[in-house]
Amino acid sequence: QVQLVESGGGLVQPGGSLRLSCAASGTIFTMSPMGWFRQAPGKQRDLVAIIMDSGSTNYSDSVTGRFTISRDNAKNTVHLQMNSLKFEDTAVYYCYGISRGNNYWGQGTLVTVSA
C-alpha cells in the first residue's frame, strides 16, 4: 500500500522559513510528478509546487521566488523549502504523488504563520 508521510510543519513568524518533507513508501516505482498542495480554512485545495522525476518544476504565482521544491528519486522523497513566509501561507500542506497512474495524498501538515 502506497503511503505519503509529511513532516516539518509548525508555527513560524512572518518572514521566517520552514522546510517540509514527504516520504513515499509501499512502492518501488519512482513517483512522478510529486508535489505540494495547500488548503487554507474555508478555501479550496490549491497547487503550491510540483516536480517531475526529470527535475522540471512548476510553482504557483503566489510562492514563486520564495518556495523551492526538490526531490530525491532514489528515496521517493520530496521537499519544500519555504522562505519569506507570509500570513497568507497559513494552511494545511498536502504532499501529492502519482505512481503507475494512481493519485496519492499525504495526511497533511499544518503550517501557521503568525506573529
N, C-alpha and C. Protein backbone atom coordinates (compact mmCIF):
# COMPACT_ATOMS: atom_id res chain seq x y z
N GLN A 1 0.85 -1.18 0.00
CA GLN A 1 0.00 0.00 0.00
C GLN A 1 0.89 1.25 0.00
N VAL A 2 0.63 2.12 -0.97
CA VAL A 2 1.44 3.33 -1.08
C VAL A 2 0.98 4.35 -0.05
N GLN A 3 1.94 4.93 0.65
CA GLN A 3 1.65 5.97 1.62
C GLN A 3 2.62 7.13 1.44
N LEU A 4 2.10 8.33 1.68
CA LEU A 4 2.92 9.53 1.69
C LEU A 4 2.85 10.11 3.09
N VAL A 5 3.99 10.36 3.68
CA VAL A 5 4.03 10.87 5.05
C VAL A 5 4.80 12.18 5.07
N GLU A 6 4.11 13.23 5.52
CA GLU A 6 4.73 14.55 5.57
C GLU A 6 5.32 14.82 6.95
N SER A 7 6.26 15.75 6.97
CA SER A 7 6.83 16.23 8.22
C SER A 7 7.33 17.64 8.01
N GLY A 8 7.50 18.37 9.13
CA GLY A 8 8.14 19.67 9.05
C GLY A 8 7.24 20.87 9.23
N GLY A 9 5.95 20.66 9.38
CA GLY A 9 5.07 21.81 9.60
C GLY A 9 5.26 22.39 10.98
N GLY A 10 4.60 23.52 11.23
CA GLY A 10 4.70 24.14 12.54
C GLY A 10 4.34 25.60 12.51
N LEU A 11 4.71 26.27 13.58
CA LEU A 11 4.43 27.70 13.75
C LEU A 11 5.68 28.51 13.43
N VAL A 12 5.52 29.55 12.65
CA VAL A 12 6.65 30.39 12.26
C VAL A 12 6.18 31.83 12.16
N GLN A 13 7.08 32.75 12.43
CA GLN A 13 6.76 34.17 12.32
C GLN A 13 6.83 34.62 10.87
N PRO A 14 6.13 35.68 10.53
CA PRO A 14 6.25 36.23 9.16
C PRO A 14 7.70 36.54 8.83
N GLY A 15 8.08 36.19 7.63
CA GLY A 15 9.46 36.37 7.20
C GLY A 15 10.36 35.19 7.49
N GLY A 16 9.85 34.24 8.26
CA GLY A 16 10.63 33.08 8.62
C GLY A 16 10.62 31.99 7.56
N SER A 17 11.24 30.87 7.90
CA SER A 17 11.37 29.75 6.96
C SER A 17 10.96 28.44 7.61
N LEU A 18 10.50 27.54 6.78
CA LEU A 18 10.21 26.17 7.17
C LEU A 18 10.55 25.26 6.01
N ARG A 19 10.86 24.02 6.34
CA ARG A 19 11.13 23.02 5.31
C ARG A 19 10.21 21.83 5.54
N LEU A 20 9.41 21.54 4.54
CA LEU A 20 8.53 20.37 4.59
C LEU A 20 9.18 19.22 3.84
N SER A 21 8.94 18.02 4.35
CA SER A 21 9.42 16.82 3.68
C SER A 21 8.30 15.81 3.55
N CYS A 22 8.41 14.99 2.54
CA CYS A 22 7.40 13.95 2.30
C CYS A 22 8.12 12.71 1.80
N ALA A 23 7.85 11.60 2.43
CA ALA A 23 8.45 10.34 2.04
C ALA A 23 7.37 9.37 1.59
N ALA A 24 7.61 8.76 0.45
CA ALA A 24 6.69 7.76 -0.08
C ALA A 24 7.18 6.37 0.30
N SER A 25 6.24 5.51 0.64
CA SER A 25 6.59 4.13 0.95
C SER A 25 5.56 3.22 0.29
N GLY A 26 5.92 1.97 0.18
CA GLY A 26 5.00 0.98 -0.37
C GLY A 26 5.03 0.85 -1.88
N THR A 27 5.99 1.50 -2.52
CA THR A 27 6.12 1.37 -3.97
C THR A 27 7.58 1.34 -4.33
N ILE A 28 7.89 0.56 -5.37
CA ILE A 28 9.27 0.52 -5.85
C ILE A 28 9.45 1.41 -7.06
N PHE A 29 8.34 2.03 -7.51
CA PHE A 29 8.38 2.85 -8.71
C PHE A 29 8.59 4.32 -8.32
N THR A 30 9.35 5.02 -9.12
CA THR A 30 9.56 6.44 -8.88
C THR A 30 8.24 7.18 -9.13
N MET A 31 7.81 7.92 -8.13
CA MET A 31 6.58 8.68 -8.27
C MET A 31 6.86 9.95 -9.09
N SER A 32 6.00 10.19 -10.07
CA SER A 32 6.15 11.39 -10.87
C SER A 32 4.83 11.77 -11.51
N PRO A 33 4.40 13.03 -11.32
CA PRO A 33 5.10 14.03 -10.51
C PRO A 33 4.89 13.81 -9.01
N MET A 34 5.64 14.57 -8.23
CA MET A 34 5.38 14.72 -6.81
C MET A 34 5.25 16.22 -6.54
N GLY A 35 4.55 16.54 -5.49
CA GLY A 35 4.37 17.96 -5.25
C GLY A 35 3.65 18.27 -3.97
N TRP A 36 3.28 19.54 -3.85
CA TRP A 36 2.62 20.04 -2.65
C TRP A 36 1.41 20.87 -3.05
N PHE A 37 0.33 20.64 -2.34
CA PHE A 37 -0.87 21.47 -2.40
C PHE A 37 -1.10 22.02 -1.01
N ARG A 38 -1.95 23.03 -0.93
CA ARG A 38 -2.30 23.55 0.38
C ARG A 38 -3.76 23.96 0.41
N GLN A 39 -4.31 23.92 1.61
CA GLN A 39 -5.71 24.28 1.80
C GLN A 39 -5.84 25.14 3.04
N ALA A 40 -6.22 26.39 2.83
CA ALA A 40 -6.46 27.31 3.94
C ALA A 40 -7.91 27.13 4.43
N PRO A 41 -8.20 27.51 5.65
CA PRO A 41 -9.57 27.36 6.19
C PRO A 41 -10.60 28.02 5.28
N GLY A 42 -11.62 27.27 4.91
CA GLY A 42 -12.70 27.81 4.10
C GLY A 42 -12.38 27.96 2.63
N LYS A 43 -11.22 27.47 2.21
CA LYS A 43 -10.82 27.62 0.81
C LYS A 43 -10.57 26.26 0.18
N GLN A 44 -10.45 26.25 -1.13
CA GLN A 44 -10.20 25.01 -1.84
C GLN A 44 -8.72 24.65 -1.74
N ARG A 45 -8.43 23.41 -2.08
CA ARG A 45 -7.05 22.94 -2.10
C ARG A 45 -6.39 23.40 -3.40
N ASP A 46 -5.27 24.09 -3.27
CA ASP A 46 -4.61 24.66 -4.44
C ASP A 46 -3.18 24.13 -4.59
N LEU A 47 -2.73 24.12 -5.81
CA LEU A 47 -1.36 23.71 -6.11
C LEU A 47 -0.37 24.73 -5.55
N VAL A 48 0.69 24.23 -4.92
CA VAL A 48 1.79 25.09 -4.48
C VAL A 48 2.97 24.92 -5.43
N ALA A 49 3.42 23.69 -5.57
CA ALA A 49 4.57 23.42 -6.42
C ALA A 49 4.56 21.94 -6.79
N ILE A 50 5.13 21.65 -7.95
CA ILE A 50 5.18 20.28 -8.42
C ILE A 50 6.50 20.05 -9.13
N ILE A 51 6.99 18.81 -9.04
CA ILE A 51 8.28 18.49 -9.66
C ILE A 51 8.19 17.13 -10.32
N MET A 52 8.71 17.04 -11.52
CA MET A 52 8.74 15.79 -12.26
C MET A 52 10.00 15.00 -11.88
N ASP A 53 10.05 13.75 -12.27
CA ASP A 53 11.26 12.97 -11.98
C ASP A 53 12.45 13.50 -12.76
N SER A 54 12.18 14.25 -13.83
CA SER A 54 13.26 14.87 -14.60
C SER A 54 13.87 16.07 -13.88
N GLY A 55 13.13 16.57 -12.88
CA GLY A 55 13.59 17.74 -12.15
C GLY A 55 12.89 19.03 -12.56
N SER A 56 12.10 18.97 -13.62
CA SER A 56 11.39 20.17 -14.02
C SER A 56 10.32 20.52 -12.99
N THR A 57 10.12 21.81 -12.79
CA THR A 57 9.25 22.27 -11.70
C THR A 57 8.20 23.27 -12.20
N ASN A 58 7.17 23.41 -11.39
CA ASN A 58 6.15 24.41 -11.65
C ASN A 58 5.66 24.93 -10.31
N TYR A 59 5.52 26.25 -10.21
CA TYR A 59 5.11 26.88 -8.96
C TYR A 59 3.88 27.74 -9.18
N SER A 60 3.08 27.87 -8.14
CA SER A 60 2.00 28.85 -8.20
C SER A 60 2.62 30.25 -8.14
N ASP A 61 1.93 31.20 -8.71
CA ASP A 61 2.46 32.57 -8.73
C ASP A 61 2.68 33.11 -7.33
N SER A 62 1.85 32.69 -6.39
CA SER A 62 1.91 33.24 -5.03
C SER A 62 3.17 32.83 -4.27
N VAL A 63 3.85 31.78 -4.72
CA VAL A 63 5.04 31.31 -3.98
C VAL A 63 6.31 31.40 -4.80
N THR A 64 6.20 31.75 -6.07
CA THR A 64 7.39 31.85 -6.93
C THR A 64 8.39 32.83 -6.34
N GLY A 65 9.62 32.36 -6.26
CA GLY A 65 10.68 33.20 -5.71
C GLY A 65 10.87 33.05 -4.22
N ARG A 66 9.91 32.43 -3.55
CA ARG A 66 10.01 32.24 -2.10
C ARG A 66 10.13 30.76 -1.71
N PHE A 67 9.48 29.90 -2.46
CA PHE A 67 9.48 28.46 -2.17
C PHE A 67 10.33 27.73 -3.21
N THR A 68 10.96 26.65 -2.77
CA THR A 68 11.73 25.81 -3.67
C THR A 68 11.39 24.35 -3.41
N ILE A 69 11.01 23.66 -4.48
CA ILE A 69 10.71 22.25 -4.38
C ILE A 69 11.90 21.44 -4.90
N SER A 70 12.17 20.31 -4.23
CA SER A 70 13.25 19.44 -4.65
C SER A 70 12.85 18.00 -4.36
N ARG A 71 13.58 17.06 -4.94
CA ARG A 71 13.24 15.66 -4.74
C ARG A 71 14.46 14.78 -4.80
N ASP A 72 14.32 13.60 -4.23
CA ASP A 72 15.34 12.56 -4.30
C ASP A 72 14.65 11.35 -4.91
N ASN A 73 14.91 11.09 -6.18
CA ASN A 73 14.21 10.00 -6.87
C ASN A 73 14.52 8.64 -6.24
N ALA A 74 15.74 8.45 -5.83
CA ALA A 74 16.13 7.15 -5.27
C ALA A 74 15.36 6.84 -3.99
N LYS A 75 15.01 7.89 -3.25
CA LYS A 75 14.32 7.70 -1.98
C LYS A 75 12.83 8.00 -2.08
N ASN A 76 12.37 8.43 -3.26
CA ASN A 76 10.96 8.82 -3.42
C ASN A 76 10.55 9.84 -2.35
N THR A 77 11.38 10.85 -2.20
CA THR A 77 11.06 11.91 -1.25
C THR A 77 10.98 13.24 -1.99
N VAL A 78 10.21 14.14 -1.43
CA VAL A 78 10.09 15.48 -1.99
C VAL A 78 10.11 16.46 -0.83
N HIS A 79 10.73 17.61 -1.09
CA HIS A 79 10.89 18.62 -0.05
C HIS A 79 10.37 19.96 -0.56
N LEU A 80 9.95 20.78 0.38
CA LEU A 80 9.52 22.13 0.04
C LEU A 80 10.18 23.10 1.00
N GLN A 81 11.13 23.86 0.51
CA GLN A 81 11.78 24.90 1.30
C GLN A 81 10.97 26.18 1.16
N MET A 82 10.47 26.67 2.28
CA MET A 82 9.61 27.84 2.27
C MET A 82 10.30 28.99 2.99
N ASN A 83 10.59 30.04 2.26
CA ASN A 83 11.25 31.22 2.82
C ASN A 83 10.32 32.42 2.72
N SER A 84 10.66 33.45 3.48
CA SER A 84 9.88 34.70 3.46
C SER A 84 8.40 34.42 3.62
N LEU A 85 8.07 33.62 4.61
CA LEU A 85 6.69 33.22 4.80
C LEU A 85 5.80 34.40 5.18
N LYS A 86 4.57 34.34 4.68
CA LYS A 86 3.59 35.40 4.90
C LYS A 86 2.38 34.82 5.64
N PHE A 87 1.59 35.71 6.22
CA PHE A 87 0.38 35.28 6.91
C PHE A 87 -0.47 34.40 5.99
N GLU A 88 -0.56 34.78 4.74
CA GLU A 88 -1.43 34.08 3.81
C GLU A 88 -0.91 32.71 3.40
N ASP A 89 0.27 32.34 3.84
CA ASP A 89 0.78 31.00 3.60
C ASP A 89 0.25 29.99 4.62
N THR A 90 -0.46 30.49 5.62
CA THR A 90 -1.04 29.60 6.62
C THR A 90 -2.05 28.65 5.97
N ALA A 91 -1.83 27.35 6.17
CA ALA A 91 -2.69 26.35 5.53
C ALA A 91 -2.23 24.95 5.97
N VAL A 92 -3.04 23.98 5.65
CA VAL A 92 -2.60 22.59 5.73
C VAL A 92 -1.95 22.25 4.39
N TYR A 93 -0.73 21.75 4.45
CA TYR A 93 0.02 21.41 3.25
C TYR A 93 -0.02 19.90 3.05
N TYR A 94 -0.39 19.52 1.83
CA TYR A 94 -0.54 18.12 1.48
C TYR A 94 0.49 17.71 0.45
N CYS A 95 1.13 16.61 0.71
CA CYS A 95 2.04 16.01 -0.26
C CYS A 95 1.21 15.23 -1.28
N TYR A 96 1.66 15.21 -2.49
CA TYR A 96 0.92 14.56 -3.58
C TYR A 96 1.92 13.82 -4.47
N GLY A 97 1.48 12.69 -4.98
CA GLY A 97 2.30 11.96 -5.92
C GLY A 97 1.48 11.03 -6.79
N ILE A 98 2.03 10.71 -7.95
CA ILE A 98 1.40 9.77 -8.86
C ILE A 98 2.33 8.60 -9.07
N SER A 99 1.78 7.41 -8.91
CA SER A 99 2.53 6.19 -9.14
C SER A 99 1.69 5.25 -9.99
N ARG A 100 2.20 4.91 -11.15
CA ARG A 100 1.53 3.99 -12.05
C ARG A 100 0.09 4.43 -12.33
N GLY A 101 -0.08 5.72 -12.53
CA GLY A 101 -1.38 6.27 -12.90
C GLY A 101 -2.33 6.52 -11.76
N ASN A 102 -1.93 6.21 -10.55
CA ASN A 102 -2.79 6.41 -9.38
C ASN A 102 -2.33 7.62 -8.58
N ASN A 103 -3.31 8.40 -8.08
CA ASN A 103 -3.02 9.58 -7.28
C ASN A 103 -2.95 9.21 -5.80
N TYR A 104 -2.00 9.81 -5.12
CA TYR A 104 -1.84 9.57 -3.69
C TYR A 104 -1.65 10.89 -2.97
N TRP A 105 -2.20 10.94 -1.76
CA TRP A 105 -2.12 12.14 -0.93
C TRP A 105 -1.60 11.78 0.46
N GLY A 106 -0.84 12.69 1.04
CA GLY A 106 -0.46 12.55 2.43
C GLY A 106 -1.59 13.03 3.32
N GLN A 107 -1.38 12.92 4.63
CA GLN A 107 -2.42 13.26 5.58
C GLN A 107 -2.46 14.76 5.86
N GLY A 108 -1.45 15.48 5.44
CA GLY A 108 -1.40 16.92 5.63
C GLY A 108 -0.59 17.32 6.85
N THR A 109 0.06 18.46 6.74
CA THR A 109 0.81 19.02 7.86
C THR A 109 0.49 20.51 7.94
N LEU A 110 0.22 20.99 9.14
CA LEU A 110 -0.22 22.36 9.32
C LEU A 110 0.96 23.32 9.39
N VAL A 111 0.87 24.37 8.60
CA VAL A 111 1.83 25.47 8.66
C VAL A 111 1.06 26.72 9.09
N THR A 112 1.51 27.31 10.18
CA THR A 112 0.86 28.51 10.71
C THR A 112 1.88 29.64 10.74
N VAL A 113 1.56 30.72 10.05
CA VAL A 113 2.42 31.90 10.05
C VAL A 113 1.73 32.96 10.90
N SER A 114 2.36 33.25 12.03
CA SER A 114 1.73 34.17 12.98
C SER A 114 2.80 34.89 13.78
N ALA A 115 2.48 36.13 14.13
CA ALA A 115 3.40 36.91 14.97
C ALA A 115 3.16 36.60 16.44
